[in-house]
Amino acid sequence: MARNLKKNDADKSFEDAMLELENIVSILEKGDTTLEESIKNFQQGIELSRYCAAKLDEAEKKISILLHDEEGKIIEKDFDI
C-alpha cells in the first residue's frame, strides 16, 4: 500500500515521485486490494500527481530559450508553452 506524502518527502525527486505514482497505478490496475486500500492508494496517487505537477511548473519557470536577435546577439527569452 502507498504511504502518505509527508513534509520530508518535499525533497523527493521528480523521478522518485513518478516511480511511486507508476507503482500505485499498477497496484490499482491489478484490482487485488480492498476498497479501503484502493481509496488510500488513489489519494496518495493524487498527492503524488500534484507534487509532480508542481515540480514541472517549477522547472518550467527556470527554463529559458536562447535566441538570436536581429544583430545576431544571443538573447534570453522566457520559455512559454
PDB file of N, CA and C in Angstrom:
ATOM      1  N   MET A   1       0.849  -1.176   0.000  1.00  0.00           N
ATOM      2  CA  MET A   1       0.000   0.000   0.000  1.00  0.00           C
ATOM      3  C   MET A   1       0.892   1.236   0.000  1.00  0.00           C
ATOM      4  N   ALA A   2       0.506   2.285  -0.675  1.00  0.00           N
ATOM      5  CA  ALA A   2       1.274   3.523  -0.750  1.00  0.00           C
ATOM      6  C   ALA A   2       1.193   4.266   0.566  1.00  0.00           C
ATOM      7  N   ARG A   3       2.252   5.000   0.846  1.00  0.00           N
ATOM      8  CA  ARG A   3       2.257   5.771   2.086  1.00  0.00           C
ATOM      9  C   ARG A   3       1.887   7.213   1.795  1.00  0.00           C
ATOM     10  N   ASN A   4       1.522   7.941   2.846  1.00  0.00           N
ATOM     11  CA  ASN A   4       1.137   9.335   2.676  1.00  0.00           C
ATOM     12  C   ASN A   4       2.357  10.193   2.393  1.00  0.00           C
ATOM     13  N   LEU A   5       2.186  11.205   1.572  1.00  0.00           N
ATOM     14  CA  LEU A   5       3.242  12.145   1.264  1.00  0.00           C
ATOM     15  C   LEU A   5       3.475  13.000   2.492  1.00  0.00           C
ATOM     16  N   LYS A   6       4.687  12.983   3.022  1.00  0.00           N
ATOM     17  CA  LYS A   6       4.998  13.713   4.244  1.00  0.00           C
ATOM     18  C   LYS A   6       5.836  14.927   3.919  1.00  0.00           C
ATOM     19  N   LYS A   7       6.011  15.794   4.922  1.00  0.00           N
ATOM     20  CA  LYS A   7       6.787  17.015   4.715  1.00  0.00           C
ATOM     21  C   LYS A   7       8.201  16.707   4.253  1.00  0.00           C
ATOM     22  N   ASN A   8       8.836  15.664   4.806  1.00  0.00           N
ATOM     23  CA  ASN A   8      10.193  15.338   4.382  1.00  0.00           C
ATOM     24  C   ASN A   8      10.227  14.780   2.960  1.00  0.00           C
ATOM     25  N   ASP A   9       9.077  14.427   2.409  1.00  0.00           N
ATOM     26  CA  ASP A   9       9.005  13.982   1.023  1.00  0.00           C
ATOM     27  C   ASP A   9       9.091  15.151   0.051  1.00  0.00           C
ATOM     28  N   ALA A  10       9.067  16.380   0.574  1.00  0.00           N
ATOM     29  CA  ALA A  10       9.177  17.554  -0.288  1.00  0.00           C
ATOM     30  C   ALA A  10      10.526  17.567  -1.000  1.00  0.00           C
ATOM     31  N   ASP A  11      11.508  16.842  -0.445  1.00  0.00           N
ATOM     32  CA  ASP A  11      12.824  16.759  -1.069  1.00  0.00           C
ATOM     33  C   ASP A  11      12.911  15.603  -2.060  1.00  0.00           C
ATOM     34  N   LYS A  12      11.822  14.878  -2.211  1.00  0.00           N
ATOM     35  CA  LYS A  12      11.777  13.739  -3.135  1.00  0.00           C
ATOM     36  C   LYS A  12      11.993  14.255  -4.556  1.00  0.00           C
ATOM     37  N   SER A  13      12.753  13.500  -5.325  1.00  0.00           N
ATOM     38  CA  SER A  13      12.975  13.907  -6.710  1.00  0.00           C
ATOM     39  C   SER A  13      11.717  13.651  -7.535  1.00  0.00           C
ATOM     40  N   PHE A  14      11.623  14.355  -8.630  1.00  0.00           N
ATOM     41  CA  PHE A  14      10.509  14.168  -9.559  1.00  0.00           C
ATOM     42  C   PHE A  14      10.468  12.713 -10.025  1.00  0.00           C
ATOM     43  N   GLU A  15      11.648  12.186 -10.347  1.00  0.00           N
ATOM     44  CA  GLU A  15      11.723  10.821 -10.856  1.00  0.00           C
ATOM     45  C   GLU A  15      11.251   9.802  -9.813  1.00  0.00           C
ATOM     46  N   ASP A  16      11.652  10.001  -8.551  1.00  0.00           N
ATOM     47  CA  ASP A  16      11.203   9.093  -7.490  1.00  0.00           C
ATOM     48  C   ASP A  16       9.692   9.166  -7.304  1.00  0.00           C
ATOM     49  N   ALA A  17       9.160  10.373  -7.354  1.00  0.00           N
ATOM     50  CA  ALA A  17       7.711  10.547  -7.205  1.00  0.00           C
ATOM     51  C   ALA A  17       6.971   9.880  -8.360  1.00  0.00           C
ATOM     52  N   MET A  18       7.501  10.010  -9.568  1.00  0.00           N
ATOM     53  CA  MET A  18       6.864   9.374 -10.725  1.00  0.00           C
ATOM     54  C   MET A  18       6.907   7.852 -10.614  1.00  0.00           C
ATOM     55  N   LEU A  19       8.023   7.310 -10.141  1.00  0.00           N
ATOM     56  CA  LEU A  19       8.115   5.856  -9.963  1.00  0.00           C
ATOM     57  C   LEU A  19       7.096   5.370  -8.937  1.00  0.00           C
ATOM     58  N   GLU A  20       6.951   6.119  -7.858  1.00  0.00           N
ATOM     59  CA  GLU A  20       5.967   5.755  -6.846  1.00  0.00           C
ATOM     60  C   GLU A  20       4.553   5.844  -7.414  1.00  0.00           C
ATOM     61  N   LEU A  21       4.301   6.876  -8.206  1.00  0.00           N
ATOM     62  CA  LEU A  21       2.993   7.033  -8.834  1.00  0.00           C
ATOM     63  C   LEU A  21       2.713   5.878  -9.800  1.00  0.00           C
ATOM     64  N   GLU A  22       3.707   5.496 -10.590  1.00  0.00           N
ATOM     65  CA  GLU A  22       3.544   4.369 -11.510  1.00  0.00           C
ATOM     66  C   GLU A  22       3.248   3.079 -10.744  1.00  0.00           C
ATOM     67  N   ASN A  23       3.895   2.899  -9.598  1.00  0.00           N
ATOM     68  CA  ASN A  23       3.649   1.722  -8.767  1.00  0.00           C
ATOM     69  C   ASN A  23       2.204   1.708  -8.273  1.00  0.00           C
ATOM     70  N   ILE A  24       1.719   2.853  -7.844  1.00  0.00           N
ATOM     71  CA  ILE A  24       0.335   2.961  -7.366  1.00  0.00           C
ATOM     72  C   ILE A  24      -0.641   2.637  -8.494  1.00  0.00           C
ATOM     73  N   VAL A  25      -0.383   3.168  -9.669  1.00  0.00           N
ATOM     74  CA  VAL A  25      -1.252   2.893 -10.821  1.00  0.00           C
ATOM     75  C   VAL A  25      -1.279   1.394 -11.103  1.00  0.00           C
ATOM     76  N   SER A  26      -0.115   0.767 -11.046  1.00  0.00           N
ATOM     77  CA  SER A  26      -0.032  -0.675 -11.279  1.00  0.00           C
ATOM     78  C   SER A  26      -0.849  -1.453 -10.246  1.00  0.00           C
ATOM     79  N   ILE A  27      -0.735  -1.059  -8.988  1.00  0.00           N
ATOM     80  CA  ILE A  27      -1.499  -1.708  -7.913  1.00  0.00           C
ATOM     81  C   ILE A  27      -2.994  -1.548  -8.154  1.00  0.00           C
ATOM     82  N   LEU A  28      -3.402  -0.336  -8.499  1.00  0.00           N
ATOM     83  CA  LEU A  28      -4.827  -0.081  -8.725  1.00  0.00           C
ATOM     84  C   LEU A  28      -5.351  -0.841  -9.938  1.00  0.00           C
ATOM     85  N   GLU A  29      -4.534  -0.940 -10.985  1.00  0.00           N
ATOM     86  CA  GLU A  29      -4.964  -1.650 -12.190  1.00  0.00           C
ATOM     87  C   GLU A  29      -5.140  -3.145 -11.952  1.00  0.00           C
ATOM     88  N   LYS A  30      -4.347  -3.709 -11.051  1.00  0.00           N
ATOM     89  CA  LYS A  30      -4.477  -5.140 -10.742  1.00  0.00           C
ATOM     90  C   LYS A  30      -5.801  -5.436 -10.058  1.00  0.00           C
ATOM     91  N   GLY A  31      -6.265  -4.509  -9.245  1.00  0.00           N
ATOM     92  CA  GLY A  31      -7.543  -4.693  -8.572  1.00  0.00           C
ATOM     93  C   GLY A  31      -7.520  -5.726  -7.459  1.00  0.00           C
ATOM     94  N   ASP A  32      -6.332  -6.020  -6.932  1.00  0.00           N
ATOM     95  CA  ASP A  32      -6.201  -7.040  -5.887  1.00  0.00           C
ATOM     96  C   ASP A  32      -6.315  -6.485  -4.472  1.00  0.00           C
ATOM     97  N   THR A  33      -6.606  -5.217  -4.319  1.00  0.00           N
ATOM     98  CA  THR A  33      -6.656  -4.614  -2.990  1.00  0.00           C
ATOM     99  C   THR A  33      -8.100  -4.385  -2.566  1.00  0.00           C
ATOM    100  N   THR A  34      -8.268  -4.177  -1.279  1.00  0.00           N
ATOM    101  CA  THR A  34      -9.604  -3.882  -0.764  1.00  0.00           C
ATOM    102  C   THR A  34     -10.014  -2.485  -1.212  1.00  0.00           C
ATOM    103  N   LEU A  35     -11.279  -2.201  -1.062  1.00  0.00           N
ATOM    104  CA  LEU A  35     -11.777  -0.875  -1.419  1.00  0.00           C
ATOM    105  C   LEU A  35     -11.062   0.194  -0.603  1.00  0.00           C
ATOM    106  N   GLU A  36     -10.890  -0.053   0.696  1.00  0.00           N
ATOM    107  CA  GLU A  36     -10.222   0.921   1.565  1.00  0.00           C
ATOM    108  C   GLU A  36      -8.778   1.160   1.126  1.00  0.00           C
ATOM    109  N   GLU A  37      -8.050   0.084   0.820  1.00  0.00           N
ATOM    110  CA  GLU A  37      -6.673   0.224   0.344  1.00  0.00           C
ATOM    111  C   GLU A  37      -6.633   0.949  -0.997  1.00  0.00           C
ATOM    112  N   SER A  38      -7.581   0.644  -1.859  1.00  0.00           N
ATOM    113  CA  SER A  38      -7.639   1.305  -3.164  1.00  0.00           C
ATOM    114  C   SER A  38      -7.869   2.801  -3.012  1.00  0.00           C
ATOM    115  N   ILE A  39      -8.739   3.179  -2.093  1.00  0.00           N
ATOM    116  CA  ILE A  39      -9.009   4.604  -1.866  1.00  0.00           C
ATOM    117  C   ILE A  39      -7.762   5.294  -1.325  1.00  0.00           C
ATOM    118  N   LYS A  40      -7.064   4.646  -0.376  1.00  0.00           N
ATOM    119  CA  LYS A  40      -5.825   5.228   0.162  1.00  0.00           C
ATOM    120  C   LYS A  40      -4.779   5.371  -0.933  1.00  0.00           C
ATOM    121  N   ASN A  41      -4.647   4.345  -1.765  1.00  0.00           N
ATOM    122  CA  ASN A  41      -3.697   4.418  -2.872  1.00  0.00           C
ATOM    123  C   ASN A  41      -4.078   5.516  -3.857  1.00  0.00           C
ATOM    124  N   PHE A  42      -5.365   5.628  -4.144  1.00  0.00           N
ATOM    125  CA  PHE A  42      -5.833   6.671  -5.053  1.00  0.00           C
ATOM    126  C   PHE A  42      -5.507   8.053  -4.493  1.00  0.00           C
ATOM    127  N   GLN A  43      -5.759   8.255  -3.200  1.00  0.00           N
ATOM    128  CA  GLN A  43      -5.458   9.543  -2.571  1.00  0.00           C
ATOM    129  C   GLN A  43      -3.963   9.845  -2.642  1.00  0.00           C
ATOM    130  N   GLN A  44      -3.135   8.841  -2.373  1.00  0.00           N
ATOM    131  CA  GLN A  44      -1.689   9.022  -2.462  1.00  0.00           C
ATOM    132  C   GLN A  44      -1.287   9.343  -3.897  1.00  0.00           C
ATOM    133  N   GLY A  45      -1.912   8.691  -4.853  1.00  0.00           N
ATOM    134  CA  GLY A  45      -1.630   8.970  -6.254  1.00  0.00           C
ATOM    135  C   GLY A  45      -1.966  10.404  -6.630  1.00  0.00           C
ATOM    136  N   ILE A  46      -3.079  10.904  -6.115  1.00  0.00           N
ATOM    137  CA  ILE A  46      -3.452  12.303  -6.374  1.00  0.00           C
ATOM    138  C   ILE A  46      -2.410  13.243  -5.785  1.00  0.00           C
ATOM    139  N   GLU A  47      -1.967  12.963  -4.550  1.00  0.00           N
ATOM    140  CA  GLU A  47      -0.942  13.797  -3.915  1.00  0.00           C
ATOM    141  C   GLU A  47       0.349  13.783  -4.730  1.00  0.00           C
ATOM    142  N   LEU A  48       0.750  12.603  -5.175  1.00  0.00           N
ATOM    143  CA  LEU A  48       1.965  12.498  -5.983  1.00  0.00           C
ATOM    144  C   LEU A  48       1.808  13.202  -7.323  1.00  0.00           C
ATOM    145  N   SER A  49       0.635  13.095  -7.919  1.00  0.00           N
ATOM    146  CA  SER A  49       0.369  13.774  -9.183  1.00  0.00           C
ATOM    147  C   SER A  49       0.495  15.287  -9.021  1.00  0.00           C
ATOM    148  N   ARG A  50      -0.067  15.797  -7.957  1.00  0.00           N
ATOM    149  CA  ARG A  50       0.030  17.240  -7.684  1.00  0.00           C
ATOM    150  C   ARG A  50       1.474  17.652  -7.419  1.00  0.00           C
ATOM    151  N   TYR A  51       2.203  16.818  -6.675  1.00  0.00           N
ATOM    152  CA  TYR A  51       3.607  17.089  -6.383  1.00  0.00           C
ATOM    153  C   TYR A  51       4.412  17.153  -7.683  1.00  0.00           C
ATOM    154  N   CYS A  52       4.191  16.175  -8.560  1.00  0.00           N
ATOM    155  CA  CYS A  52       4.906  16.147  -9.836  1.00  0.00           C
ATOM    156  C   CYS A  52       4.539  17.346 -10.707  1.00  0.00           C
ATOM    157  N   ALA A  53       3.275  17.713 -10.722  1.00  0.00           N
ATOM    158  CA  ALA A  53       2.843  18.880 -11.498  1.00  0.00           C
ATOM    159  C   ALA A  53       3.515  20.144 -10.975  1.00  0.00           C
ATOM    160  N   ALA A  54       3.625  20.266  -9.655  1.00  0.00           N
ATOM    161  CA  ALA A  54       4.282  21.434  -9.063  1.00  0.00           C
ATOM    162  C   ALA A  54       5.766  21.451  -9.422  1.00  0.00           C
ATOM    163  N   LYS A  55       6.406  20.285  -9.409  1.00  0.00           N
ATOM    164  CA  LYS A  55       7.820  20.198  -9.795  1.00  0.00           C
ATOM    165  C   LYS A  55       8.005  20.603 -11.256  1.00  0.00           C
ATOM    166  N   LEU A  56       7.091  20.175 -12.123  1.00  0.00           N
ATOM    167  CA  LEU A  56       7.174  20.556 -13.534  1.00  0.00           C
ATOM    168  C   LEU A  56       6.970  22.056 -13.713  1.00  0.00           C
ATOM    169  N   ASP A  57       6.029  22.630 -12.974  1.00  0.00           N
ATOM    170  CA  ASP A  57       5.809  24.077 -13.041  1.00  0.00           C
ATOM    171  C   ASP A  57       7.055  24.829 -12.593  1.00  0.00           C
ATOM    172  N   GLU A  58       7.670  24.338 -11.532  1.00  0.00           N
ATOM    173  CA  GLU A  58       8.890  24.954 -11.011  1.00  0.00           C
ATOM    174  C   GLU A  58      10.008  24.897 -12.049  1.00  0.00           C
ATOM    175  N   ALA A  59      10.150  23.755 -12.702  1.00  0.00           N
ATOM    176  CA  ALA A  59      11.182  23.593 -13.724  1.00  0.00           C
ATOM    177  C   ALA A  59      10.907  24.495 -14.920  1.00  0.00           C
ATOM    178  N   GLU A  60       9.644  24.607 -15.302  1.00  0.00           N
ATOM    179  CA  GLU A  60       9.274  25.446 -16.445  1.00  0.00           C
ATOM    180  C   GLU A  60       9.665  26.900 -16.209  1.00  0.00           C
ATOM    181  N   LYS A  61       9.513  27.357 -14.975  1.00  0.00           N
ATOM    182  CA  LYS A  61       9.854  28.738 -14.651  1.00  0.00           C
ATOM    183  C   LYS A  61      11.346  28.993 -14.774  1.00  0.00           C
ATOM    184  N   LYS A  62      12.147  27.937 -14.645  1.00  0.00           N
ATOM    185  CA  LYS A  62      13.599  28.081 -14.712  1.00  0.00           C
ATOM    186  C   LYS A  62      14.137  28.002 -16.141  1.00  0.00           C
ATOM    187  N   ILE A  63      13.316  27.507 -17.038  1.00  0.00           N
ATOM    188  CA  ILE A  63      13.794  27.280 -18.407  1.00  0.00           C
ATOM    189  C   ILE A  63      13.795  28.587 -19.198  1.00  0.00           C
ATOM    190  N   SER A  64      14.882  28.809 -19.876  1.00  0.00           N
ATOM    191  CA  SER A  64      14.969  29.952 -20.784  1.00  0.00           C
ATOM    192  C   SER A  64      15.359  29.437 -22.159  1.00  0.00           C
ATOM    193  N   ILE A  65      14.893  30.116 -23.165  1.00  0.00           N
ATOM    194  CA  ILE A  65      15.257  29.761 -24.529  1.00  0.00           C
ATOM    195  C   ILE A  65      16.228  30.825 -25.030  1.00  0.00           C
ATOM    196  N   LEU A  66      17.332  30.375 -25.557  1.00  0.00           N
ATOM    197  CA  LEU A  66      18.304  31.315 -26.110  1.00  0.00           C
ATOM    198  C   LEU A  66      17.974  31.552 -27.577  1.00  0.00           C
ATOM    199  N   LEU A  67      17.862  32.799 -27.931  1.00  0.00           N
ATOM    200  CA  LEU A  67      17.524  33.192 -29.298  1.00  0.00           C
ATOM    201  C   LEU A  67      18.544  34.200 -29.812  1.00  0.00           C
ATOM    202  N   HIS A  68      18.549  34.372 -31.097  1.00  0.00           N
ATOM    203  CA  HIS A  68      19.391  35.393 -31.712  1.00  0.00           C
ATOM    204  C   HIS A  68      18.513  36.579 -32.089  1.00  0.00           C
ATOM    205  N   ASP A  69      18.992  37.801 -31.753  1.00  0.00           N
ATOM    206  CA  ASP A  69      18.245  38.987 -32.157  1.00  0.00           C
ATOM    207  C   ASP A  69      18.648  39.375 -33.578  1.00  0.00           C
ATOM    208  N   GLU A  70      18.144  40.529 -34.035  1.00  0.00           N
ATOM    209  CA  GLU A  70      18.405  40.970 -35.413  1.00  0.00           C
ATOM    210  C   GLU A  70      19.887  41.174 -35.689  1.00  0.00           C
ATOM    211  N   GLU A  71      20.654  41.492 -34.655  1.00  0.00           N
ATOM    212  CA  GLU A  71      22.084  41.743 -34.834  1.00  0.00           C
ATOM    213  C   GLU A  71      22.914  40.477 -34.631  1.00  0.00           C
ATOM    214  N   GLY A  72      22.258  39.363 -34.423  1.00  0.00           N
ATOM    215  CA  GLY A  72      22.967  38.108 -34.233  1.00  0.00           C
ATOM    216  C   GLY A  72      23.391  37.839 -32.803  1.00  0.00           C
ATOM    217  N   LYS A  73      23.036  38.754 -31.896  1.00  0.00           N
ATOM    218  CA  LYS A  73      23.392  38.561 -30.492  1.00  0.00           C
ATOM    219  C   LYS A  73      22.435  37.555 -29.857  1.00  0.00           C
ATOM    220  N   ILE A  74      22.975  36.816 -28.911  1.00  0.00           N
ATOM    221  CA  ILE A  74      22.142  35.845 -28.201  1.00  0.00           C
ATOM    222  C   ILE A  74      21.384  36.560 -27.090  1.00  0.00           C
ATOM    223  N   ILE A  75      20.075  36.328 -27.063  1.00  0.00           N
ATOM    224  CA  ILE A  75      19.235  36.908 -26.016  1.00  0.00           C
ATOM    225  C   ILE A  75      18.479  35.781 -25.316  1.00  0.00           C
ATOM    226  N   GLU A  76      18.076  36.046 -24.082  1.00  0.00           N
ATOM    227  CA  GLU A  76      17.281  35.070 -23.346  1.00  0.00           C
ATOM    228  C   GLU A  76      15.819  35.450 -23.411  1.00  0.00           C
ATOM    229  N   LYS A  77      14.985  34.441 -23.580  1.00  0.00           N
ATOM    230  CA  LYS A  77      13.550  34.662 -23.586  1.00  0.00           C
ATOM    231  C   LYS A  77      12.924  33.590 -22.710  1.00  0.00           C
ATOM    232  N   ASP A  78      11.951  33.976 -21.910  1.00  0.00           N
ATOM    233  CA  ASP A  78      11.282  33.008 -21.048  1.00  0.00           C
ATOM    234  C   ASP A  78      10.615  31.939 -21.887  1.00  0.00           C
ATOM    235  N   PHE A  79      10.668  30.718 -21.385  1.00  0.00           N
ATOM    236  CA  PHE A  79      10.035  29.587 -22.044  1.00  0.00           C
ATOM    237  C   PHE A  79       8.537  29.684 -21.838  1.00  0.00           C
ATOM    238  N   ASP A  80       7.787  29.569 -22.892  1.00  0.00           N
ATOM    239  CA  ASP A  80       6.334  29.659 -22.817  1.00  0.00           C
ATOM    240  C   ASP A  80       5.736  28.501 -23.595  1.00  0.00           C
ATOM    241  N   ILE A  81       4.878  27.757 -22.949  1.00  0.00           N
ATOM    242  CA  ILE A  81       4.253  26.613 -23.629  1.00  0.00           C
ATOM    243  C   ILE A  81       3.012  27.077 -24.344  1.00  0.00           C
TER     244      ILE A  81
END
